[in-house]
N, C-alpha and C. Protein backbone atom coordinates (compact mmCIF):
# COMPACT_ATOMS: atom_id res chain seq x y z
N MET A 1 26.91 -3.12 -26.65
CA MET A 1 26.48 -4.28 -25.95
C MET A 1 24.89 -4.44 -25.82
N PHE A 2 24.14 -3.43 -25.27
CA PHE A 2 22.73 -3.50 -25.28
C PHE A 2 22.36 -2.77 -26.39
N LYS A 3 21.24 -3.27 -27.12
CA LYS A 3 20.88 -2.70 -28.39
C LYS A 3 19.20 -2.35 -28.27
N HIS A 4 18.63 -2.88 -27.43
CA HIS A 4 17.18 -2.66 -27.48
C HIS A 4 16.74 -2.72 -25.87
N LEU A 5 16.35 -1.38 -25.33
CA LEU A 5 16.14 -1.35 -24.16
C LEU A 5 14.40 -1.28 -23.75
N LEU A 6 13.93 -1.85 -22.90
CA LEU A 6 12.55 -1.80 -22.33
C LEU A 6 12.69 -0.62 -21.29
N VAL A 7 11.83 0.29 -21.26
CA VAL A 7 12.00 1.31 -20.31
C VAL A 7 10.64 1.41 -19.77
N PRO A 8 10.03 0.81 -18.59
CA PRO A 8 8.88 1.00 -18.13
C PRO A 8 8.78 2.30 -17.48
N THR A 9 7.56 3.07 -17.60
CA THR A 9 7.33 4.36 -17.14
C THR A 9 5.86 4.46 -16.52
N ASP A 10 5.71 5.14 -15.33
CA ASP A 10 4.37 5.27 -14.90
C ASP A 10 4.00 6.88 -14.72
N GLY A 11 4.76 7.76 -15.34
CA GLY A 11 4.46 9.08 -15.00
C GLY A 11 5.00 9.54 -13.78
N SER A 12 5.51 8.83 -12.72
CA SER A 12 6.08 9.48 -11.59
C SER A 12 7.20 10.28 -11.83
N PRO A 13 7.62 11.17 -10.85
CA PRO A 13 8.74 12.03 -11.06
C PRO A 13 9.99 11.14 -11.11
N LEU A 14 10.30 10.01 -10.48
CA LEU A 14 11.38 9.22 -10.77
C LEU A 14 11.42 8.52 -12.06
N SER A 15 10.36 8.00 -12.29
CA SER A 15 10.22 7.55 -13.64
C SER A 15 10.59 8.51 -14.72
N GLY A 16 10.06 9.53 -14.66
CA GLY A 16 10.44 10.80 -15.65
C GLY A 16 11.96 10.95 -15.74
N GLU A 17 12.65 10.90 -14.70
CA GLU A 17 14.23 11.00 -14.64
C GLU A 17 14.69 9.84 -15.21
N THR A 18 14.12 8.68 -15.04
CA THR A 18 14.50 7.37 -15.58
C THR A 18 14.50 7.45 -17.16
N VAL A 19 13.41 7.90 -17.71
CA VAL A 19 13.27 8.11 -19.12
C VAL A 19 14.41 8.73 -19.59
N GLU A 20 14.76 9.96 -18.99
CA GLU A 20 15.69 10.84 -19.61
C GLU A 20 17.01 10.10 -19.43
N ARG A 21 17.41 9.41 -18.50
CA ARG A 21 18.72 8.66 -18.39
C ARG A 21 18.79 7.42 -19.22
N ALA A 22 17.70 6.84 -19.54
CA ALA A 22 17.54 5.75 -20.54
C ALA A 22 17.78 6.19 -21.74
N ILE A 23 17.25 7.48 -22.22
CA ILE A 23 17.53 8.16 -23.59
C ILE A 23 19.01 8.32 -23.84
N ALA A 24 19.77 9.04 -22.69
CA ALA A 24 21.08 9.24 -22.93
C ALA A 24 21.75 7.90 -22.94
N PHE A 25 21.55 6.78 -22.11
CA PHE A 25 22.15 5.53 -22.30
C PHE A 25 21.93 5.01 -23.66
N ALA A 26 20.85 5.08 -24.15
CA ALA A 26 20.60 4.35 -25.54
C ALA A 26 21.29 5.22 -26.64
N LYS A 27 21.27 6.61 -26.56
CA LYS A 27 21.98 7.30 -27.55
C LYS A 27 23.63 6.89 -27.57
N GLY A 28 24.16 6.92 -26.21
CA GLY A 28 25.52 6.49 -26.31
C GLY A 28 25.75 5.06 -26.63
N ALA A 29 24.90 4.24 -26.51
CA ALA A 29 25.07 2.67 -26.91
C ALA A 29 24.75 2.51 -28.24
N GLY A 30 24.05 3.38 -28.99
CA GLY A 30 23.46 3.15 -30.28
C GLY A 30 22.27 2.41 -30.21
N ALA A 31 21.44 2.35 -29.08
CA ALA A 31 20.47 1.34 -28.78
C ALA A 31 19.09 2.22 -29.17
N ARG A 32 17.94 1.22 -29.36
CA ARG A 32 16.77 1.81 -29.52
C ARG A 32 15.86 1.41 -28.24
N ILE A 33 14.91 2.10 -27.98
CA ILE A 33 14.08 2.07 -26.88
C ILE A 33 12.64 1.59 -27.25
N THR A 34 11.94 0.74 -26.34
CA THR A 34 10.51 0.58 -26.29
C THR A 34 10.27 1.06 -24.77
N PHE A 35 9.40 2.08 -24.89
CA PHE A 35 8.88 2.72 -23.70
C PHE A 35 7.57 1.70 -23.47
N PHE A 36 7.28 1.55 -22.07
CA PHE A 36 6.28 0.49 -21.64
C PHE A 36 5.65 1.13 -20.55
N CYS A 37 4.26 1.00 -20.60
CA CYS A 37 3.33 1.22 -19.47
C CYS A 37 2.53 0.19 -19.31
N ALA A 38 2.54 -0.29 -18.02
CA ALA A 38 1.62 -1.42 -17.64
C ALA A 38 0.44 -0.75 -17.03
N VAL A 39 -0.76 -1.17 -17.49
CA VAL A 39 -1.99 -0.69 -16.97
C VAL A 39 -2.59 -1.70 -16.14
N GLN A 40 -3.12 -1.36 -15.06
CA GLN A 40 -3.88 -2.26 -14.23
C GLN A 40 -5.17 -2.83 -14.85
N SER A 41 -5.41 -4.21 -14.77
CA SER A 41 -6.56 -4.72 -15.42
C SER A 41 -7.93 -4.28 -14.51
N PHE A 42 -9.00 -4.26 -15.10
CA PHE A 42 -10.13 -3.80 -14.41
C PHE A 42 -10.51 -4.59 -12.96
N PRO A 43 -10.57 -3.99 -12.04
CA PRO A 43 -10.63 -4.75 -10.77
C PRO A 43 -12.10 -5.51 -10.77
N THR A 44 -12.16 -6.69 -10.52
CA THR A 44 -13.56 -7.35 -10.41
C THR A 44 -13.71 -7.95 -9.14
N MET A 45 -14.89 -7.88 -8.66
CA MET A 45 -15.31 -8.56 -7.45
C MET A 45 -16.81 -9.22 -7.75
N TYR A 46 -16.99 -10.32 -7.31
CA TYR A 46 -18.22 -11.17 -7.75
C TYR A 46 -19.04 -11.30 -6.48
N HIS A 47 -18.77 -10.70 -5.42
CA HIS A 47 -19.74 -10.90 -4.35
C HIS A 47 -19.87 -9.45 -3.66
N GLY A 48 -20.70 -9.32 -2.84
CA GLY A 48 -20.92 -8.05 -2.01
C GLY A 48 -21.22 -7.01 -2.97
N ILE A 49 -21.07 -5.60 -2.66
CA ILE A 49 -21.27 -4.51 -3.33
C ILE A 49 -20.65 -4.20 -4.74
N GLY A 50 -19.52 -5.14 -4.85
CA GLY A 50 -18.81 -4.94 -6.13
C GLY A 50 -19.51 -5.86 -7.21
N ALA A 51 -20.30 -6.72 -6.82
CA ALA A 51 -21.07 -7.62 -7.72
C ALA A 51 -22.26 -6.61 -8.62
N ILE A 52 -22.35 -5.49 -8.08
CA ILE A 52 -23.47 -4.62 -8.73
C ILE A 52 -22.65 -3.37 -9.43
N PHE A 53 -22.38 -3.46 -10.80
CA PHE A 53 -21.80 -2.29 -11.33
C PHE A 53 -22.26 -2.12 -12.63
N ASP A 54 -22.19 -1.23 -13.36
CA ASP A 54 -22.55 -0.83 -14.52
C ASP A 54 -21.84 -1.63 -15.62
N ALA A 55 -22.63 -2.25 -16.54
CA ALA A 55 -21.84 -3.10 -17.46
C ALA A 55 -20.87 -2.26 -18.35
N GLN A 56 -20.90 -0.96 -18.39
CA GLN A 56 -20.01 -0.24 -19.27
C GLN A 56 -18.85 0.18 -18.38
N ALA A 57 -18.77 -0.02 -17.22
CA ALA A 57 -17.64 0.35 -16.23
C ALA A 57 -16.39 -0.15 -16.64
N PRO A 58 -16.17 -1.51 -17.03
CA PRO A 58 -14.90 -1.91 -17.64
C PRO A 58 -14.49 -1.06 -18.82
N ALA A 59 -15.21 -0.96 -19.80
CA ALA A 59 -14.91 -0.10 -21.03
C ALA A 59 -14.50 1.24 -20.72
N ARG A 60 -15.21 1.84 -19.82
CA ARG A 60 -14.94 3.31 -19.32
C ARG A 60 -13.46 3.25 -18.61
N TYR A 61 -13.32 2.33 -17.76
CA TYR A 61 -12.21 2.01 -17.09
C TYR A 61 -10.86 1.99 -17.96
N HIS A 62 -10.99 1.06 -18.96
CA HIS A 62 -9.84 0.77 -19.99
C HIS A 62 -9.67 1.96 -20.51
N GLU A 63 -10.79 2.68 -21.09
CA GLU A 63 -10.49 3.86 -21.93
C GLU A 63 -9.66 4.92 -21.24
N ALA A 64 -10.00 5.23 -20.02
CA ALA A 64 -9.44 6.13 -19.22
C ALA A 64 -8.07 5.72 -18.84
N VAL A 65 -7.69 4.55 -18.38
CA VAL A 65 -6.35 4.23 -17.97
C VAL A 65 -5.45 4.18 -19.31
N ASP A 66 -5.95 3.78 -20.38
CA ASP A 66 -5.38 3.70 -21.69
C ASP A 66 -4.82 5.16 -22.09
N GLY A 67 -5.86 6.16 -22.07
CA GLY A 67 -5.58 7.42 -22.20
C GLY A 67 -4.40 8.15 -21.45
N VAL A 68 -4.40 7.80 -20.19
CA VAL A 68 -3.41 8.33 -19.29
C VAL A 68 -2.01 7.57 -19.66
N ALA A 69 -2.05 6.30 -19.86
CA ALA A 69 -0.85 5.58 -20.14
C ALA A 69 -0.29 6.14 -21.75
N GLN A 70 -1.23 6.39 -22.61
CA GLN A 70 -0.69 6.99 -23.97
C GLN A 70 -0.05 8.32 -23.84
N ASP A 71 -0.74 9.13 -22.94
CA ASP A 71 -0.08 10.47 -22.69
C ASP A 71 1.37 10.28 -22.04
N ILE A 72 1.46 9.52 -21.09
CA ILE A 72 2.89 9.17 -20.57
C ILE A 72 3.79 8.63 -21.51
N LEU A 73 3.40 7.74 -22.35
CA LEU A 73 4.24 7.19 -23.57
C LEU A 73 4.59 8.25 -24.52
N ASP A 74 3.52 8.98 -24.82
CA ASP A 74 3.88 10.13 -25.84
C ASP A 74 4.79 11.10 -25.42
N ALA A 75 4.88 11.57 -23.99
CA ALA A 75 5.84 12.31 -23.71
C ALA A 75 7.23 11.70 -23.62
N ALA A 76 7.46 10.51 -23.37
CA ALA A 76 8.67 9.85 -23.39
C ALA A 76 9.15 9.74 -24.89
N VAL A 77 8.32 9.23 -25.72
CA VAL A 77 8.65 9.14 -27.15
C VAL A 77 9.02 10.54 -27.68
N LYS A 78 8.30 11.61 -27.29
CA LYS A 78 8.74 12.94 -27.81
C LYS A 78 10.17 13.31 -27.45
N LEU A 79 10.70 12.84 -26.08
CA LEU A 79 12.01 13.14 -25.65
C LEU A 79 12.89 12.37 -26.39
N ALA A 80 12.68 11.22 -26.64
CA ALA A 80 13.68 10.41 -27.30
C ALA A 80 13.83 10.74 -28.84
N THR A 81 12.58 11.06 -29.43
CA THR A 81 12.79 11.50 -30.69
C THR A 81 13.53 12.79 -30.92
N ALA A 82 13.40 13.81 -30.04
CA ALA A 82 14.19 14.99 -29.98
C ALA A 82 15.64 14.68 -29.95
N ALA A 83 15.90 13.62 -29.14
CA ALA A 83 17.40 13.30 -28.77
C ALA A 83 17.97 12.29 -30.06
N GLY A 84 17.17 12.13 -31.07
CA GLY A 84 17.55 11.20 -32.28
C GLY A 84 17.61 9.73 -31.74
N VAL A 85 16.95 9.19 -30.65
CA VAL A 85 16.96 7.80 -30.34
C VAL A 85 15.67 7.07 -30.94
N ASP A 86 15.77 5.99 -31.71
CA ASP A 86 14.76 5.41 -32.36
C ASP A 86 13.98 4.78 -31.15
N CYS A 87 12.56 4.87 -31.24
CA CYS A 87 11.77 4.27 -30.02
C CYS A 87 10.59 3.93 -30.47
N ALA A 88 9.86 3.11 -29.74
CA ALA A 88 8.38 2.66 -29.97
C ALA A 88 7.77 2.73 -28.58
N LYS A 89 6.54 2.54 -28.49
CA LYS A 89 5.69 2.42 -27.31
C LYS A 89 4.78 1.28 -27.06
N LEU A 90 4.56 0.81 -25.93
CA LEU A 90 3.65 -0.27 -25.87
C LEU A 90 2.95 -0.30 -24.57
N THR A 91 1.82 -0.73 -24.39
CA THR A 91 1.02 -0.89 -23.04
C THR A 91 0.41 -2.29 -23.08
N LEU A 92 0.45 -2.88 -21.85
CA LEU A 92 -0.14 -4.23 -21.84
C LEU A 92 -1.06 -4.05 -20.29
N ALA A 93 -2.40 -4.80 -20.31
CA ALA A 93 -3.07 -4.68 -19.26
C ALA A 93 -2.58 -5.98 -18.44
N SER A 94 -2.53 -5.80 -17.00
CA SER A 94 -2.20 -6.94 -16.15
C SER A 94 -2.49 -6.57 -14.74
N ALA A 95 -2.71 -7.46 -14.07
CA ALA A 95 -3.15 -7.31 -12.53
C ALA A 95 -1.68 -7.38 -11.89
N GLU A 96 -0.60 -7.96 -12.52
CA GLU A 96 0.73 -7.97 -11.91
C GLU A 96 1.60 -6.87 -12.81
N PRO A 97 1.72 -5.80 -12.70
CA PRO A 97 2.74 -5.06 -13.38
C PRO A 97 4.07 -5.50 -13.63
N TYR A 98 4.76 -6.03 -12.64
CA TYR A 98 5.97 -6.86 -12.86
C TYR A 98 6.15 -7.88 -14.00
N ALA A 99 4.85 -8.74 -13.91
CA ALA A 99 4.85 -9.70 -15.13
C ALA A 99 4.64 -9.07 -16.59
N ALA A 100 3.88 -8.10 -16.55
CA ALA A 100 3.72 -7.37 -17.69
C ALA A 100 5.09 -6.82 -18.14
N ILE A 101 5.73 -6.15 -17.39
CA ILE A 101 7.04 -5.76 -17.86
C ILE A 101 7.91 -6.69 -18.37
N ILE A 102 8.00 -7.81 -17.73
CA ILE A 102 9.06 -8.94 -18.15
C ILE A 102 8.22 -9.50 -19.57
N GLU A 103 6.99 -9.65 -19.55
CA GLU A 103 6.30 -10.15 -20.76
C GLU A 103 6.70 -9.19 -21.89
N ALA A 104 6.60 -7.90 -21.67
CA ALA A 104 6.91 -6.83 -22.79
C ALA A 104 8.27 -7.07 -23.29
N ALA A 105 9.23 -7.12 -22.19
CA ALA A 105 10.59 -7.30 -22.64
C ALA A 105 10.94 -8.43 -23.46
N GLU A 106 10.39 -9.64 -23.11
CA GLU A 106 10.32 -10.73 -23.73
C GLU A 106 9.73 -10.70 -25.19
N ARG A 107 8.69 -10.27 -25.33
CA ARG A 107 7.80 -10.07 -26.74
C ARG A 107 8.66 -9.13 -27.50
N GLN A 108 9.32 -8.22 -27.14
CA GLN A 108 9.93 -7.11 -28.06
C GLN A 108 11.38 -7.36 -28.27
N ALA A 109 11.79 -8.68 -27.54
CA ALA A 109 13.31 -9.19 -27.76
C ALA A 109 14.22 -7.99 -27.17
N CYS A 110 13.87 -7.38 -26.07
CA CYS A 110 14.64 -6.46 -25.42
C CYS A 110 15.87 -7.26 -24.75
N ASP A 111 17.08 -6.49 -24.71
CA ASP A 111 18.22 -7.24 -24.09
C ASP A 111 18.54 -6.51 -22.81
N LEU A 112 17.71 -5.44 -22.39
CA LEU A 112 17.90 -4.83 -21.17
C LEU A 112 16.57 -4.18 -20.61
N ILE A 113 16.32 -4.25 -19.47
CA ILE A 113 15.24 -3.46 -18.79
C ILE A 113 15.87 -2.47 -18.10
N PHE A 114 15.47 -1.31 -18.39
CA PHE A 114 15.97 0.00 -17.69
C PHE A 114 14.80 0.70 -16.99
N MET A 115 14.82 0.53 -15.63
CA MET A 115 13.48 0.99 -14.88
C MET A 115 14.09 1.76 -13.51
N ALA A 116 13.08 2.45 -13.13
CA ALA A 116 13.25 3.21 -11.83
C ALA A 116 13.26 2.34 -10.79
N SER A 117 13.84 2.73 -9.61
CA SER A 117 13.81 1.83 -8.33
C SER A 117 12.42 1.88 -7.68
N HIS A 118 11.54 2.72 -7.86
CA HIS A 118 10.15 2.62 -7.45
C HIS A 118 9.47 3.63 -8.33
N GLY A 119 8.09 3.48 -8.10
CA GLY A 119 7.07 4.29 -8.78
C GLY A 119 6.26 4.96 -7.91
N ARG A 120 4.82 4.71 -8.23
CA ARG A 120 3.85 5.40 -7.46
C ARG A 120 3.34 4.91 -6.12
N LYS A 121 3.95 3.80 -5.72
CA LYS A 121 3.26 3.06 -4.64
C LYS A 121 3.54 3.68 -3.15
N GLY A 122 3.97 4.83 -3.05
CA GLY A 122 4.20 5.42 -1.72
C GLY A 122 5.02 4.63 -0.88
N ILE A 123 4.39 4.28 0.27
CA ILE A 123 5.05 3.67 1.41
C ILE A 123 5.81 2.27 0.98
N ASN A 124 5.01 1.51 0.07
CA ASN A 124 5.74 0.44 -0.54
C ASN A 124 7.03 0.52 -1.21
N ALA A 125 7.41 1.79 -1.48
CA ALA A 125 8.70 2.02 -2.29
C ALA A 125 9.69 2.67 -1.38
N LEU A 126 9.67 2.50 -0.18
CA LEU A 126 10.60 3.22 0.78
C LEU A 126 12.09 2.65 0.42
N LEU A 127 12.39 1.58 0.29
CA LEU A 127 13.65 0.92 -0.07
C LEU A 127 13.67 0.77 -1.62
N LEU A 128 13.12 -0.27 -1.98
CA LEU A 128 13.09 -0.80 -3.34
C LEU A 128 11.87 -1.11 -3.58
N GLY A 129 11.02 -0.52 -4.74
CA GLY A 129 9.70 -0.72 -5.06
C GLY A 129 9.39 -2.21 -5.21
N SER A 130 8.32 -2.75 -4.69
CA SER A 130 7.86 -3.98 -4.83
C SER A 130 7.80 -4.51 -6.23
N GLU A 131 7.38 -3.63 -7.28
CA GLU A 131 7.34 -4.22 -8.63
C GLU A 131 8.82 -4.31 -9.27
N THR A 132 9.64 -3.31 -8.74
CA THR A 132 11.01 -3.41 -9.28
C THR A 132 11.85 -4.72 -8.78
N ASN A 133 11.54 -4.87 -7.41
CA ASN A 133 11.91 -6.09 -6.89
C ASN A 133 11.68 -7.43 -7.59
N LYS A 134 10.43 -7.46 -7.64
CA LYS A 134 9.90 -8.59 -8.51
C LYS A 134 10.39 -8.88 -9.94
N VAL A 135 10.62 -7.61 -10.68
CA VAL A 135 11.25 -7.80 -11.81
C VAL A 135 12.64 -8.38 -11.84
N LEU A 136 13.44 -7.60 -10.71
CA LEU A 136 14.59 -8.11 -10.55
C LEU A 136 14.71 -9.63 -10.24
N THR A 137 13.81 -10.24 -9.53
CA THR A 137 13.89 -11.54 -9.02
C THR A 137 13.36 -12.52 -10.06
N HIS A 138 12.45 -12.07 -10.98
CA HIS A 138 11.98 -13.03 -11.98
C HIS A 138 12.39 -12.83 -13.54
N SER A 139 13.06 -11.78 -13.77
CA SER A 139 13.44 -11.65 -15.06
C SER A 139 14.71 -12.39 -15.41
N LYS A 140 14.64 -12.90 -16.62
CA LYS A 140 15.92 -13.50 -17.12
C LYS A 140 16.59 -12.53 -18.09
N ILE A 141 16.03 -11.41 -18.20
CA ILE A 141 16.74 -10.30 -19.15
C ILE A 141 17.34 -9.37 -17.86
N PRO A 142 18.50 -9.13 -18.28
CA PRO A 142 19.42 -8.03 -17.48
C PRO A 142 18.51 -6.85 -17.10
N VAL A 143 18.54 -6.35 -15.86
CA VAL A 143 17.79 -5.30 -15.47
C VAL A 143 18.72 -4.00 -14.83
N LEU A 144 18.52 -2.86 -15.21
CA LEU A 144 19.44 -1.79 -14.72
C LEU A 144 18.24 -0.93 -14.01
N VAL A 145 18.65 -0.68 -12.78
CA VAL A 145 17.84 -0.04 -11.84
C VAL A 145 18.33 1.47 -11.59
N TYR A 146 17.60 2.54 -12.01
CA TYR A 146 17.79 3.94 -11.73
C TYR A 146 17.27 4.29 -10.55
N ARG A 147 18.13 4.77 -9.73
CA ARG A 147 17.71 5.48 -8.44
C ARG A 147 17.82 6.92 -8.25
C-alpha cells in the first residue's frame, strides 16, 4: 500500500524509536524511506542588540546545524541499510519545521509521513507535539504517528 515513507527525525529518543519502527514497517511493506531533518533557519532580528552580529554568524550557524542534522540522518541511514531497506536522506531549512516536513514529503513524492508524536520541545510536547499536530492538520499526505 505505502511505497515511499518520509520519516522526520530530530535525534530525540522517541524519534530514534520511530526510525526503528519505520524501518520495520518499510521492510514489511517493501517500501523505501527518505529520512528527513528540518533545520531551523538562522534567527534574525533587525532591531536592538540582535542587529549587531558578526557577518559570519549565519554561515557558522548553518554549518553547525547542518553537521548535527547529517549525523542524525547518517545514523538512521545506517540502521535502514543494515536492515536492507532502500533509503535516502534530506534536510531543509525552515522557520516552521512542520511546513518543511510537508514540503519534503511532497517534493519526494512520499505516500506516508511516519513521525514521532513529539520531539525535543519539552513542555510543548506533553500531549501531542505542536509540530506533529500541525503536520496532521495541514498535510494532504497520510500521517502515521508513533507514540
